[in-house]
Amino acid sequence: MQMKKAKIYIPNKSPMQSGFAKNNKWILEFKTEDPIKNPLMGWESSSDTLTELKLEFSSKEQAINYAKKKKIDFDLIEPKKRKTIKKSYADNFLK
């Protein structure tokens, strides 16, 4: 029996964070199959409780091994590499 589809990713940093110190956890999160729009409030909801579950792993390999062991079909979303440009304060005044 095949489980629901999930995605494995590293979440983006919070807007309240300036650094990347606690941004190394891999998340396994199940995808919502059939979202239903609540007629009263207009919120999106689902009767599937697996969508509320987020599992944290310390490495990508642990998350993949867990998904394979539990027969969970998953998509792996690799983090994009940040391109940093080294600048100095004096560059503001040289142009």
N, C-alpha and C. Protein backbone atom coordinates (compact mmCIF):
# COMPACT_ATOMS: atom_id res chain seq x y z
N MET A 1 0.84 -1.19 0.00
CA MET A 1 0.00 0.00 0.00
C MET A 1 0.89 1.25 0.00
N GLN A 2 0.61 2.17 -0.89
CA GLN A 2 1.39 3.39 -1.02
C GLN A 2 0.75 4.50 -0.18
N MET A 3 1.57 5.19 0.59
CA MET A 3 1.07 6.29 1.42
C MET A 3 0.88 7.53 0.55
N LYS A 4 0.45 8.59 1.17
CA LYS A 4 0.21 9.85 0.47
C LYS A 4 1.53 10.48 0.04
N LYS A 5 1.43 11.49 -0.78
CA LYS A 5 2.60 12.19 -1.29
C LYS A 5 3.09 13.20 -0.26
N ALA A 6 4.39 13.31 -0.11
CA ALA A 6 4.99 14.24 0.85
C ALA A 6 6.10 15.00 0.15
N LYS A 7 6.56 16.07 0.82
CA LYS A 7 7.72 16.80 0.32
C LYS A 7 8.72 16.93 1.45
N ILE A 8 10.00 16.85 1.08
CA ILE A 8 11.11 16.98 2.02
C ILE A 8 11.89 18.22 1.63
N TYR A 9 12.07 19.12 2.60
CA TYR A 9 12.70 20.40 2.29
C TYR A 9 13.29 21.02 3.55
N ILE A 10 14.10 22.06 3.37
CA ILE A 10 14.58 22.90 4.46
C ILE A 10 13.75 24.17 4.41
N PRO A 11 13.06 24.54 5.49
CA PRO A 11 12.21 25.74 5.44
C PRO A 11 13.04 27.01 5.34
N ASN A 12 12.42 28.04 4.77
CA ASN A 12 13.07 29.35 4.70
C ASN A 12 13.20 29.94 6.09
N LYS A 13 14.14 30.84 6.23
CA LYS A 13 14.30 31.48 7.53
C LYS A 13 13.15 32.44 7.79
N SER A 14 12.87 32.66 9.03
CA SER A 14 11.81 33.58 9.41
C SER A 14 12.23 35.01 9.09
N PRO A 15 11.29 35.88 8.77
CA PRO A 15 11.64 37.29 8.53
C PRO A 15 12.20 37.96 9.78
N MET A 16 11.96 37.38 10.94
CA MET A 16 12.47 37.95 12.18
C MET A 16 13.91 37.51 12.45
N GLN A 17 14.44 36.59 11.66
CA GLN A 17 15.81 36.13 11.82
C GLN A 17 16.74 36.93 10.92
N SER A 18 17.93 37.19 11.40
CA SER A 18 18.91 37.82 10.53
C SER A 18 19.95 36.82 10.07
N GLY A 19 20.20 35.78 10.85
CA GLY A 19 21.20 34.79 10.50
C GLY A 19 20.58 33.46 10.11
N PHE A 20 21.45 32.50 9.84
CA PHE A 20 21.00 31.18 9.41
C PHE A 20 21.39 30.10 10.42
N ALA A 21 21.52 30.45 11.69
CA ALA A 21 22.04 29.52 12.70
C ALA A 21 21.14 28.32 12.92
N LYS A 22 19.85 28.50 13.05
CA LYS A 22 18.94 27.39 13.37
C LYS A 22 18.11 26.99 12.15
N ASN A 23 18.73 27.01 11.00
CA ASN A 23 18.00 26.74 9.77
C ASN A 23 18.53 25.49 9.08
N ASN A 24 18.81 24.44 9.85
CA ASN A 24 19.41 23.24 9.28
C ASN A 24 18.56 21.99 9.46
N LYS A 25 17.30 22.14 9.79
CA LYS A 25 16.41 20.99 9.97
C LYS A 25 15.70 20.69 8.65
N TRP A 26 15.61 19.42 8.32
CA TRP A 26 14.86 18.97 7.16
C TRP A 26 13.45 18.62 7.61
N ILE A 27 12.45 19.03 6.84
CA ILE A 27 11.04 18.83 7.18
C ILE A 27 10.42 17.86 6.18
N LEU A 28 9.66 16.88 6.70
CA LEU A 28 8.83 16.02 5.86
C LEU A 28 7.39 16.44 6.11
N GLU A 29 6.74 16.94 5.07
CA GLU A 29 5.39 17.47 5.20
C GLU A 29 4.51 16.84 4.13
N PHE A 30 3.33 16.38 4.52
CA PHE A 30 2.40 15.76 3.59
C PHE A 30 1.64 16.82 2.81
N LYS A 31 1.36 16.51 1.54
CA LYS A 31 0.64 17.45 0.68
C LYS A 31 -0.86 17.27 0.85
N THR A 32 -1.61 18.34 0.71
CA THR A 32 -3.06 18.30 0.80
C THR A 32 -3.62 17.78 -0.52
N GLU A 33 -4.44 16.76 -0.44
CA GLU A 33 -5.03 16.18 -1.64
C GLU A 33 -6.22 16.98 -2.14
N ASP A 34 -7.27 17.08 -1.34
CA ASP A 34 -8.50 17.73 -1.76
C ASP A 34 -8.86 18.84 -0.79
N PRO A 35 -8.32 20.04 -0.99
CA PRO A 35 -8.72 21.12 -0.09
C PRO A 35 -10.16 21.54 -0.35
N ILE A 36 -10.86 21.85 0.72
CA ILE A 36 -12.26 22.27 0.65
C ILE A 36 -12.33 23.70 1.17
N LYS A 37 -13.07 24.55 0.48
CA LYS A 37 -13.22 25.93 0.93
C LYS A 37 -14.41 26.01 1.89
N ASN A 38 -14.16 26.55 3.08
CA ASN A 38 -15.19 26.71 4.09
C ASN A 38 -16.16 27.80 3.62
N PRO A 39 -17.47 27.49 3.49
CA PRO A 39 -18.39 28.48 2.96
C PRO A 39 -18.63 29.68 3.89
N LEU A 40 -18.46 29.49 5.19
CA LEU A 40 -18.73 30.57 6.12
C LEU A 40 -17.58 31.57 6.17
N MET A 41 -16.36 31.08 6.39
CA MET A 41 -15.22 31.98 6.56
C MET A 41 -14.35 32.11 5.31
N GLY A 42 -14.49 31.17 4.37
CA GLY A 42 -13.67 31.22 3.17
C GLY A 42 -12.29 30.61 3.36
N TRP A 43 -12.06 29.94 4.50
CA TRP A 43 -10.77 29.32 4.75
C TRP A 43 -10.67 28.02 3.99
N GLU A 44 -9.44 27.62 3.69
CA GLU A 44 -9.22 26.35 3.05
C GLU A 44 -9.02 25.30 4.13
N SER A 45 -9.73 24.19 4.03
CA SER A 45 -9.61 23.13 5.03
C SER A 45 -9.61 21.79 4.33
N SER A 46 -9.33 20.76 5.11
CA SER A 46 -9.31 19.40 4.58
C SER A 46 -9.67 18.44 5.69
N SER A 47 -10.25 17.31 5.31
CA SER A 47 -10.57 16.29 6.31
C SER A 47 -9.38 15.37 6.55
N ASP A 48 -8.31 15.55 5.79
CA ASP A 48 -7.11 14.74 5.93
C ASP A 48 -6.23 15.29 7.06
N THR A 49 -6.02 14.52 8.10
CA THR A 49 -5.23 14.99 9.24
C THR A 49 -3.74 14.87 9.03
N LEU A 50 -3.30 14.12 8.01
CA LEU A 50 -1.87 14.00 7.76
C LEU A 50 -1.25 15.33 7.30
N THR A 51 -2.06 16.22 6.76
CA THR A 51 -1.53 17.50 6.29
C THR A 51 -1.09 18.39 7.44
N GLU A 52 -1.56 18.10 8.64
CA GLU A 52 -1.16 18.89 9.81
C GLU A 52 0.16 18.41 10.41
N LEU A 53 0.66 17.29 9.91
CA LEU A 53 1.85 16.67 10.48
C LEU A 53 3.11 17.16 9.76
N LYS A 54 4.08 17.65 10.54
CA LYS A 54 5.39 18.04 10.02
C LYS A 54 6.44 17.33 10.86
N LEU A 55 7.24 16.50 10.23
CA LEU A 55 8.29 15.76 10.93
C LEU A 55 9.63 16.44 10.67
N GLU A 56 10.42 16.62 11.73
CA GLU A 56 11.74 17.26 11.61
C GLU A 56 12.82 16.20 11.67
N PHE A 57 13.83 16.36 10.82
CA PHE A 57 14.99 15.47 10.79
C PHE A 57 16.25 16.32 10.77
N SER A 58 17.32 15.78 11.32
CA SER A 58 18.57 16.55 11.37
C SER A 58 19.37 16.45 10.07
N SER A 59 19.05 15.47 9.21
CA SER A 59 19.75 15.38 7.93
C SER A 59 18.80 14.93 6.83
N LYS A 60 19.21 15.19 5.61
CA LYS A 60 18.40 14.82 4.45
C LYS A 60 18.30 13.30 4.34
N GLU A 61 19.38 12.60 4.63
CA GLU A 61 19.40 11.14 4.52
C GLU A 61 18.42 10.49 5.50
N GLN A 62 18.32 11.04 6.71
CA GLN A 62 17.38 10.50 7.68
C GLN A 62 15.94 10.66 7.20
N ALA A 63 15.62 11.80 6.62
CA ALA A 63 14.27 12.04 6.12
C ALA A 63 13.94 11.10 4.95
N ILE A 64 14.90 10.91 4.06
CA ILE A 64 14.68 10.01 2.92
C ILE A 64 14.54 8.57 3.39
N ASN A 65 15.38 8.15 4.33
CA ASN A 65 15.29 6.78 4.84
C ASN A 65 13.96 6.53 5.54
N TYR A 66 13.47 7.51 6.30
CA TYR A 66 12.18 7.38 6.97
C TYR A 66 11.06 7.22 5.94
N ALA A 67 11.09 8.06 4.89
CA ALA A 67 10.04 8.00 3.87
C ALA A 67 10.07 6.66 3.13
N LYS A 68 11.26 6.16 2.84
CA LYS A 68 11.36 4.87 2.14
C LYS A 68 10.91 3.73 3.04
N LYS A 69 11.26 3.79 4.33
CA LYS A 69 10.88 2.72 5.26
C LYS A 69 9.37 2.67 5.46
N LYS A 70 8.72 3.83 5.48
CA LYS A 70 7.26 3.91 5.67
C LYS A 70 6.50 3.88 4.34
N LYS A 71 7.24 3.71 3.21
CA LYS A 71 6.65 3.66 1.86
C LYS A 71 5.86 4.93 1.53
N ILE A 72 6.48 6.06 1.80
CA ILE A 72 5.88 7.36 1.50
C ILE A 72 6.48 7.87 0.20
N ASP A 73 5.64 8.19 -0.76
CA ASP A 73 6.09 8.78 -2.01
C ASP A 73 6.43 10.25 -1.73
N PHE A 74 7.64 10.70 -2.08
CA PHE A 74 8.07 12.04 -1.70
C PHE A 74 8.74 12.77 -2.84
N ASP A 75 8.73 14.10 -2.76
CA ASP A 75 9.49 14.99 -3.62
C ASP A 75 10.56 15.64 -2.77
N LEU A 76 11.79 15.63 -3.25
CA LEU A 76 12.90 16.24 -2.53
C LEU A 76 13.15 17.61 -3.12
N ILE A 77 13.07 18.64 -2.29
CA ILE A 77 13.31 20.02 -2.73
C ILE A 77 14.65 20.45 -2.13
N GLU A 78 15.64 20.55 -2.99
CA GLU A 78 16.99 20.94 -2.54
C GLU A 78 17.02 22.45 -2.28
N PRO A 79 17.74 22.87 -1.24
CA PRO A 79 17.84 24.31 -0.98
C PRO A 79 18.72 24.98 -2.03
N LYS A 80 18.36 26.22 -2.36
CA LYS A 80 19.15 26.97 -3.32
C LYS A 80 20.37 27.55 -2.61
N LYS A 81 21.50 27.56 -3.29
CA LYS A 81 22.73 28.11 -2.73
C LYS A 81 22.65 29.63 -2.76
N ARG A 82 22.99 30.24 -1.64
CA ARG A 82 23.00 31.71 -1.57
C ARG A 82 24.26 32.24 -2.20
N LYS A 83 24.12 33.24 -3.02
CA LYS A 83 25.28 33.88 -3.63
C LYS A 83 25.56 35.15 -2.83
N THR A 84 26.69 35.20 -2.20
CA THR A 84 27.04 36.38 -1.42
C THR A 84 28.05 37.22 -2.18
N ILE A 85 27.87 38.51 -2.09
CA ILE A 85 28.78 39.46 -2.73
C ILE A 85 29.50 40.20 -1.62
N LYS A 86 30.81 40.07 -1.63
CA LYS A 86 31.60 40.74 -0.60
C LYS A 86 31.72 42.21 -0.95
N LYS A 87 31.35 43.03 0.01
CA LYS A 87 31.42 44.47 -0.17
C LYS A 87 32.09 45.08 1.05
N SER A 88 32.60 46.25 0.86
CA SER A 88 33.12 46.98 2.01
C SER A 88 32.35 48.29 2.12
N TYR A 89 32.41 48.88 3.26
CA TYR A 89 31.71 50.14 3.50
C TYR A 89 32.22 51.24 2.58
N ALA A 90 33.50 51.19 2.21
CA ALA A 90 34.10 52.22 1.36
C ALA A 90 33.53 52.20 -0.05
N ASP A 91 32.96 51.06 -0.48
CA ASP A 91 32.38 50.97 -1.83
C ASP A 91 31.21 51.94 -1.99
N ASN A 92 30.54 52.33 -0.93
CA ASN A 92 29.44 53.26 -1.02
C ASN A 92 29.89 54.64 -1.49
N PHE A 93 31.13 54.99 -1.28
CA PHE A 93 31.61 56.33 -1.57
C PHE A 93 32.51 56.39 -2.80
N LEU A 94 32.81 55.26 -3.43
CA LEU A 94 33.74 55.25 -4.54
C LEU A 94 33.06 55.51 -5.88
N LYS A 95 31.76 55.40 -5.96
CA LYS A 95 31.08 55.59 -7.25
C LYS A 95 30.55 56.97 -7.42
